Amino acid sequence: MKEKWEELAEVKRELAARDWFMATSGNLSLKVSDEPLTFLVTASGKDKRKETKEDFLLVGADGRPAEATHVKPSAETLLHVEIYNKTNAGCVLHVHTVDNNIVSELYGDEGEVVFSNQEMIKAFGLWEEDAQFRIPIIPNFAHIPTLAKAFANHVHEDAGAVLIRNHGITVWGKDVLEAKKFLEACEFLCQYHVKLLLIKR
């Protein structure tokens, strides 16, 4: 458990250095065990640029604390629950950035954004010259169970990404390395797309 904690703390530290956790936003998790399912998830309302002994807590398959604690799991823990219950993913990362929010708003009515002709999509194992990478976009339901249900409709593989309109992006992978790689690639694509649109206009 200590090793898992430190592994999650390290990725939190790295993403915080990029300023991807504005105003305590975002949440991270890392699977600890399969049987029973348990995972570490960020505590609600914490400044993720700081490190404390209460940054994470252990939760079970229902998203509730698996140990006695006075801190609460992130409000969006149910999204992590959907991923861990439906796939073999080992890590989930969710961040709010200006660029991924802009992209989600630009293409929210279409229900997805499609990236192509970008070297960066090779990060997702797409090597064909005309390959396309699609990120579904779901509405930002305030009722978390409703949000989790809509989110679950796009959770089919052990790795993936979903944009929540004007809310942020959730990315998952088999481990921290893969999830972080996918998150970085998604953010690159969003940043590039926004800057390209600005230049063209």
C-alpha atoms as a PDB file:
ATOM      1  CA  MET A   1       0.000   0.000   0.000  1.00  0.00           C
ATOM      2  CA  LYS A   2       2.839   2.406   0.807  1.00  0.00           C
ATOM      3  CA  GLU A   3       4.360   1.846  -2.629  1.00  0.00           C
ATOM      4  CA  LYS A   4       0.999   2.518  -4.309  1.00  0.00           C
ATOM      5  CA  TRP A   5       0.566   5.689  -2.262  1.00  0.00           C
ATOM      6  CA  GLU A   6       3.990   6.953  -3.261  1.00  0.00           C
ATOM      7  CA  GLU A   7       3.373   6.073  -6.915  1.00  0.00           C
ATOM      8  CA  LEU A   8       0.129   8.052  -6.959  1.00  0.00           C
ATOM      9  CA  ALA A   9       1.751  10.909  -5.036  1.00  0.00           C
ATOM     10  CA  GLU A  10       4.491  11.100  -7.662  1.00  0.00           C
ATOM     11  CA  VAL A  11       2.076  11.481 -10.577  1.00  0.00           C
ATOM     12  CA  LYS A  12       0.051  14.041  -8.571  1.00  0.00           C
ATOM     13  CA  ARG A  13       3.253  15.975  -7.974  1.00  0.00           C
ATOM     14  CA  GLU A  14       4.123  15.931 -11.670  1.00  0.00           C
ATOM     15  CA  LEU A  15       0.685  17.003 -12.881  1.00  0.00           C
ATOM     16  CA  ALA A  16       0.501  19.696 -10.213  1.00  0.00           C
ATOM     17  CA  ALA A  17       3.793  21.110 -11.484  1.00  0.00           C
ATOM     18  CA  ARG A  18       2.054  21.560 -14.847  1.00  0.00           C
ATOM     19  CA  ASP A  19      -0.724  23.512 -13.112  1.00  0.00           C
ATOM     20  CA  TRP A  20      -3.368  20.980 -14.149  1.00  0.00           C
ATOM     21  CA  PHE A  21      -5.137  21.101 -10.745  1.00  0.00           C
ATOM     22  CA  MET A  22      -6.555  24.612 -10.669  1.00  0.00           C
ATOM     23  CA  ALA A  23      -8.682  25.495  -7.611  1.00  0.00           C
ATOM     24  CA  THR A  24      -8.465  21.969  -6.091  1.00  0.00           C
ATOM     25  CA  SER A  25      -9.990  20.501  -9.277  1.00  0.00           C
ATOM     26  CA  GLY A  26      -9.121  17.091 -10.684  1.00  0.00           C
ATOM     27  CA  ASN A  27      -8.843  13.640  -9.180  1.00  0.00           C
ATOM     28  CA  LEU A  28      -6.550  10.629  -9.449  1.00  0.00           C
ATOM     29  CA  SER A  29      -6.729   6.992  -8.473  1.00  0.00           C
ATOM     30  CA  LEU A  30      -4.626   3.852  -8.496  1.00  0.00           C
ATOM     31  CA  LYS A  31      -5.833   0.291  -8.080  1.00  0.00           C
ATOM     32  CA  VAL A  32      -4.501  -1.492  -4.998  1.00  0.00           C
ATOM     33  CA  SER A  33      -6.185  -4.907  -5.249  1.00  0.00           C
ATOM     34  CA  ASP A  34      -8.562  -6.856  -7.494  1.00  0.00           C
ATOM     35  CA  GLU A  35     -10.162  -9.229  -4.993  1.00  0.00           C
ATOM     36  CA  PRO A  36     -11.716  -7.386  -3.360  1.00  0.00           C
ATOM     37  CA  LEU A  37     -11.475  -4.333  -5.571  1.00  0.00           C
ATOM     38  CA  THR A  38      -9.838  -1.466  -3.719  1.00  0.00           C
ATOM     39  CA  PHE A  39      -8.146   1.660  -4.986  1.00  0.00           C
ATOM     40  CA  LEU A  40      -6.557   4.829  -3.676  1.00  0.00           C
ATOM     41  CA  VAL A  41      -8.336   8.010  -4.757  1.00  0.00           C
ATOM     42  CA  THR A  42      -7.726  11.671  -4.053  1.00  0.00           C
ATOM     43  CA  ALA A  43      -9.532  13.161  -1.085  1.00  0.00           C
ATOM     44  CA  SER A  44     -12.138  15.818  -1.838  1.00  0.00           C
ATOM     45  CA  GLY A  45     -11.295  19.512  -1.658  1.00  0.00           C
ATOM     46  CA  LYS A  46      -7.528  19.211  -1.247  1.00  0.00           C
ATOM     47  CA  ASP A  47      -4.986  21.574  -2.768  1.00  0.00           C
ATOM     48  CA  LYS A  48      -3.163  19.079  -4.967  1.00  0.00           C
ATOM     49  CA  ARG A  49      -0.067  21.248  -5.196  1.00  0.00           C
ATOM     50  CA  LYS A  50       0.568  20.440  -1.545  1.00  0.00           C
ATOM     51  CA  GLU A  51       1.364  17.067   0.002  1.00  0.00           C
ATOM     52  CA  THR A  52      -0.206  15.762   3.192  1.00  0.00           C
ATOM     53  CA  LYS A  53      -0.915  12.433   4.853  1.00  0.00           C
ATOM     54  CA  GLU A  54      -4.559  12.831   3.841  1.00  0.00           C
ATOM     55  CA  ASP A  55      -4.116  13.320   0.091  1.00  0.00           C
ATOM     56  CA  PHE A  56      -5.607   9.898  -0.701  1.00  0.00           C
ATOM     57  CA  LEU A  57      -7.909   7.359   0.873  1.00  0.00           C
ATOM     58  CA  LEU A  58      -8.657   3.715   0.175  1.00  0.00           C
ATOM     59  CA  VAL A  59     -12.098   2.953  -1.249  1.00  0.00           C
ATOM     60  CA  GLY A  60     -13.892  -0.197  -2.346  1.00  0.00           C
ATOM     61  CA  ALA A  61     -15.879  -1.283  -5.412  1.00  0.00           C
ATOM     62  CA  ASP A  62     -18.777   0.972  -4.398  1.00  0.00           C
ATOM     63  CA  GLY A  63     -16.577   4.059  -4.052  1.00  0.00           C
ATOM     64  CA  ARG A  64     -17.012   4.217  -0.293  1.00  0.00           C
ATOM     65  CA  PRO A  65     -14.078   4.355   2.148  1.00  0.00           C
ATOM     66  CA  ALA A  66     -12.673   0.898   2.860  1.00  0.00           C
ATOM     67  CA  GLU A  67     -11.084   2.076   6.118  1.00  0.00           C
ATOM     68  CA  ALA A  68     -12.099   4.421   8.911  1.00  0.00           C
ATOM     69  CA  THR A  69     -11.352   8.008   7.893  1.00  0.00           C
ATOM     70  CA  HIS A  70     -12.744  11.513   8.316  1.00  0.00           C
ATOM     71  CA  VAL A  71     -11.860  12.611   4.767  1.00  0.00           C
ATOM     72  CA  LYS A  72     -14.197  12.147   1.840  1.00  0.00           C
ATOM     73  CA  PRO A  73     -13.332  10.642  -1.545  1.00  0.00           C
ATOM     74  CA  SER A  74     -13.419  12.890  -4.594  1.00  0.00           C
ATOM     75  CA  ALA A  75     -16.933  13.763  -5.715  1.00  0.00           C
ATOM     76  CA  GLU A  76     -16.328  11.944  -9.006  1.00  0.00           C
ATOM     77  CA  THR A  77     -15.100   8.692  -7.477  1.00  0.00           C
ATOM     78  CA  LEU A  78     -18.086   6.918  -9.072  1.00  0.00           C
ATOM     79  CA  LEU A  79     -16.491   7.488 -12.488  1.00  0.00           C
ATOM     80  CA  HIS A  80     -13.385   5.673 -11.304  1.00  0.00           C
ATOM     81  CA  VAL A  81     -15.632   2.897  -9.962  1.00  0.00           C
ATOM     82  CA  GLU A  82     -17.127   2.408 -13.431  1.00  0.00           C
ATOM     83  CA  ILE A  83     -13.681   2.056 -14.972  1.00  0.00           C
ATOM     84  CA  TYR A  84     -12.310  -0.389 -12.400  1.00  0.00           C
ATOM     85  CA  ASN A  85     -15.482  -2.489 -12.363  1.00  0.00           C
ATOM     86  CA  LYS A  86     -15.694  -2.743 -16.159  1.00  0.00           C
ATOM     87  CA  THR A  87     -12.035  -2.994 -17.218  1.00  0.00           C
ATOM     88  CA  ASN A  88      -8.598  -4.144 -16.111  1.00  0.00           C
ATOM     89  CA  ALA A  89      -7.345  -0.566 -15.866  1.00  0.00           C
ATOM     90  CA  GLY A  90      -4.954   0.207 -13.047  1.00  0.00           C
ATOM     91  CA  CYS A  91      -4.905   4.016 -12.981  1.00  0.00           C
ATOM     92  CA  VAL A  92      -7.366   6.852 -13.661  1.00  0.00           C
ATOM     93  CA  LEU A  93      -6.451  10.529 -14.118  1.00  0.00           C
ATOM     94  CA  HIS A  94      -8.890  13.439 -14.387  1.00  0.00           C
ATOM     95  CA  VAL A  95      -7.825  17.045 -14.962  1.00  0.00           C
ATOM     96  CA  HIS A  96      -9.515  20.326 -15.879  1.00  0.00           C
ATOM     97  CA  THR A  97      -7.512  22.497 -18.277  1.00  0.00           C
ATOM     98  CA  VAL A  98      -8.560  25.513 -20.310  1.00  0.00           C
ATOM     99  CA  ASP A  99      -7.771  23.772 -23.583  1.00  0.00           C
ATOM    100  CA  ASN A 100      -9.613  20.528 -22.919  1.00  0.00           C
ATOM    101  CA  ASN A 101     -12.617  22.550 -21.744  1.00  0.00           C
ATOM    102  CA  ILE A 102     -12.578  24.653 -24.916  1.00  0.00           C
ATOM    103  CA  VAL A 103     -12.404  21.556 -27.108  1.00  0.00           C
ATOM    104  CA  SER A 104     -15.249  19.935 -25.179  1.00  0.00           C
ATOM    105  CA  GLU A 105     -17.397  23.035 -25.733  1.00  0.00           C
ATOM    106  CA  LEU A 106     -16.504  23.382 -29.413  1.00  0.00           C
ATOM    107  CA  TYR A 107     -17.537  19.802 -30.174  1.00  0.00           C
ATOM    108  CA  GLY A 108     -19.972  19.092 -27.356  1.00  0.00           C
ATOM    109  CA  ASP A 109     -23.004  19.168 -29.639  1.00  0.00           C
ATOM    110  CA  GLU A 110     -21.352  16.568 -31.883  1.00  0.00           C
ATOM    111  CA  GLY A 111     -20.722  14.233 -28.960  1.00  0.00           C
ATOM    112  CA  GLU A 112     -17.072  13.660 -29.834  1.00  0.00           C
ATOM    113  CA  VAL A 113     -13.913  15.266 -31.108  1.00  0.00           C
ATOM    114  CA  VAL A 114     -11.850  13.559 -33.805  1.00  0.00           C
ATOM    115  CA  PHE A 115      -8.103  14.054 -34.192  1.00  0.00           C
ATOM    116  CA  SER A 116      -6.167  12.976 -37.274  1.00  0.00           C
ATOM    117  CA  ASN A 117      -2.927  13.732 -39.130  1.00  0.00           C
ATOM    118  CA  GLN A 118      -1.143  14.086 -35.810  1.00  0.00           C
ATOM    119  CA  GLU A 119       1.992  12.182 -34.873  1.00  0.00           C
ATOM    120  CA  MET A 120       0.876  12.246 -31.231  1.00  0.00           C
ATOM    121  CA  ILE A 121      -2.005   9.830 -31.811  1.00  0.00           C
ATOM    122  CA  LYS A 122       0.607   7.067 -32.063  1.00  0.00           C
ATOM    123  CA  ALA A 123       0.599   7.235 -28.256  1.00  0.00           C
ATOM    124  CA  PHE A 124      -2.720   5.387 -28.484  1.00  0.00           C
ATOM    125  CA  GLY A 125      -1.323   2.619 -30.681  1.00  0.00           C
ATOM    126  CA  LEU A 126      -2.698   4.152 -33.891  1.00  0.00           C
ATOM    127  CA  TRP A 127       0.043   3.822 -36.489  1.00  0.00           C
ATOM    128  CA  GLU A 128      -1.874   3.948 -39.775  1.00  0.00           C
ATOM    129  CA  GLU A 129      -1.240   7.024 -41.919  1.00  0.00           C
ATOM    130  CA  ASP A 130      -4.928   7.965 -42.006  1.00  0.00           C
ATOM    131  CA  ALA A 131      -5.682   6.919 -38.405  1.00  0.00           C
ATOM    132  CA  GLN A 132      -8.186   8.866 -36.349  1.00  0.00           C
ATOM    133  CA  PHE A 133      -8.434   9.196 -32.577  1.00  0.00           C
ATOM    134  CA  ARG A 134     -11.886   9.912 -31.189  1.00  0.00           C
ATOM    135  CA  ILE A 135     -12.687  11.205 -27.712  1.00  0.00           C
ATOM    136  CA  PRO A 136     -16.365  11.039 -26.723  1.00  0.00           C
ATOM    137  CA  ILE A 137     -17.872  14.110 -25.071  1.00  0.00           C
ATOM    138  CA  ILE A 138     -20.663  13.744 -22.516  1.00  0.00           C
ATOM    139  CA  PRO A 139     -22.829  16.402 -20.820  1.00  0.00           C
ATOM    140  CA  ASN A 140     -21.696  17.728 -17.457  1.00  0.00           C
ATOM    141  CA  PHE A 141     -24.519  16.357 -15.329  1.00  0.00           C
ATOM    142  CA  ALA A 142     -24.447  17.859 -11.829  1.00  0.00           C
ATOM    143  CA  HIS A 143     -25.980  14.665 -10.396  1.00  0.00           C
ATOM    144  CA  ILE A 144     -22.930  12.407 -10.094  1.00  0.00           C
ATOM    145  CA  PRO A 145     -24.770   9.056 -10.458  1.00  0.00           C
ATOM    146  CA  THR A 146     -26.288  10.364 -13.706  1.00  0.00           C
ATOM    147  CA  LEU A 147     -22.869  11.554 -14.844  1.00  0.00           C
ATOM    148  CA  ALA A 148     -21.358   8.163 -13.981  1.00  0.00           C
ATOM    149  CA  LYS A 149     -24.068   6.359 -15.969  1.00  0.00           C
ATOM    150  CA  ALA A 150     -23.437   8.504 -19.053  1.00  0.00           C
ATOM    151  CA  PHE A 151     -19.700   8.058 -18.593  1.00  0.00           C
ATOM    152  CA  ALA A 152     -20.017   4.263 -18.308  1.00  0.00           C
ATOM    153  CA  ASN A 153     -21.472   4.104 -21.822  1.00  0.00           C
ATOM    154  CA  HIS A 154     -17.991   4.920 -23.140  1.00  0.00           C
ATOM    155  CA  VAL A 155     -15.960   2.618 -20.898  1.00  0.00           C
ATOM    156  CA  HIS A 156     -15.235  -0.525 -22.908  1.00  0.00           C
ATOM    157  CA  GLU A 157     -11.462  -0.984 -23.023  1.00  0.00           C
ATOM    158  CA  ASP A 158      -8.639  -1.206 -20.495  1.00  0.00           C
ATOM    159  CA  ALA A 159      -7.457   2.207 -21.704  1.00  0.00           C
ATOM    160  CA  GLY A 160      -9.411   5.212 -22.933  1.00  0.00           C
ATOM    161  CA  ALA A 161     -10.451   8.830 -22.568  1.00  0.00           C
ATOM    162  CA  VAL A 162     -13.716  10.742 -22.143  1.00  0.00           C
ATOM    163  CA  LEU A 163     -14.287  14.480 -22.147  1.00  0.00           C
ATOM    164  CA  ILE A 164     -16.981  15.945 -19.902  1.00  0.00           C
ATOM    165  CA  ARG A 165     -18.309  19.131 -21.453  1.00  0.00           C
ATOM    166  CA  ASN A 166     -16.778  22.173 -19.763  1.00  0.00           C
ATOM    167  CA  HIS A 167     -15.600  19.954 -16.937  1.00  0.00           C
ATOM    168  CA  GLY A 168     -12.406  18.172 -17.926  1.00  0.00           C
ATOM    169  CA  ILE A 169     -10.996  14.946 -19.285  1.00  0.00           C
ATOM    170  CA  THR A 170     -10.796  11.521 -17.665  1.00  0.00           C
ATOM    171  CA  VAL A 171      -8.129   9.141 -18.950  1.00  0.00           C
ATOM    172  CA  TRP A 172      -7.301   5.619 -17.828  1.00  0.00           C
ATOM    173  CA  GLY A 173      -4.705   2.956 -18.565  1.00  0.00           C
ATOM    174  CA  LYS A 174      -3.227  -0.289 -17.326  1.00  0.00           C
ATOM    175  CA  ASP A 175      -0.860   1.560 -14.980  1.00  0.00           C
ATOM    176  CA  VAL A 176       0.341   5.035 -14.054  1.00  0.00           C
ATOM    177  CA  LEU A 177       2.792   5.211 -16.947  1.00  0.00           C
ATOM    178  CA  GLU A 178       0.188   4.380 -19.574  1.00  0.00           C
ATOM    179  CA  ALA A 179      -2.510   6.616 -18.099  1.00  0.00           C
ATOM    180  CA  LYS A 180      -0.086   9.546 -17.870  1.00  0.00           C
ATOM    181  CA  LYS A 181       1.101   8.956 -21.429  1.00  0.00           C
ATOM    182  CA  PHE A 182      -2.481   9.038 -22.698  1.00  0.00           C
ATOM    183  CA  LEU A 183      -3.286  12.143 -20.658  1.00  0.00           C
ATOM    184  CA  GLU A 184      -0.239  13.983 -21.986  1.00  0.00           C
ATOM    185  CA  ALA A 185      -1.123  12.994 -25.544  1.00  0.00           C
ATOM    186  CA  CYS A 186      -4.734  14.152 -25.115  1.00  0.00           C
ATOM    187  CA  GLU A 187      -3.603  17.458 -23.681  1.00  0.00           C
ATOM    188  CA  PHE A 188      -1.132  17.965 -26.525  1.00  0.00           C
ATOM    189  CA  LEU A 189      -3.896  17.344 -29.071  1.00  0.00           C
ATOM    190  CA  CYS A 190      -6.262  19.758 -27.321  1.00  0.00           C
ATOM    191  CA  GLN A 191      -3.604  22.466 -26.959  1.00  0.00           C
ATOM    192  CA  TYR A 192      -2.522  22.112 -30.582  1.00  0.00           C
ATOM    193  CA  HIS A 193      -6.098  22.220 -31.848  1.00  0.00           C
ATOM    194  CA  VAL A 194      -7.007  25.359 -29.899  1.00  0.00           C
ATOM    195  CA  LYS A 195      -3.844  27.195 -31.018  1.00  0.00           C
ATOM    196  CA  LEU A 196      -4.353  26.136 -34.628  1.00  0.00           C
ATOM    197  CA  LEU A 197      -7.907  27.493 -34.619  1.00  0.00           C
ATOM    198  CA  LEU A 198      -6.683  30.791 -33.177  1.00  0.00           C
ATOM    199  CA  ILE A 199      -3.990  31.131 -35.857  1.00  0.00           C
ATOM    200  CA  LYS A 200      -6.396  30.285 -38.656  1.00  0.00           C
ATOM    201  CA  ARG A 201      -8.851  32.919 -37.472  1.00  0.00           C
END
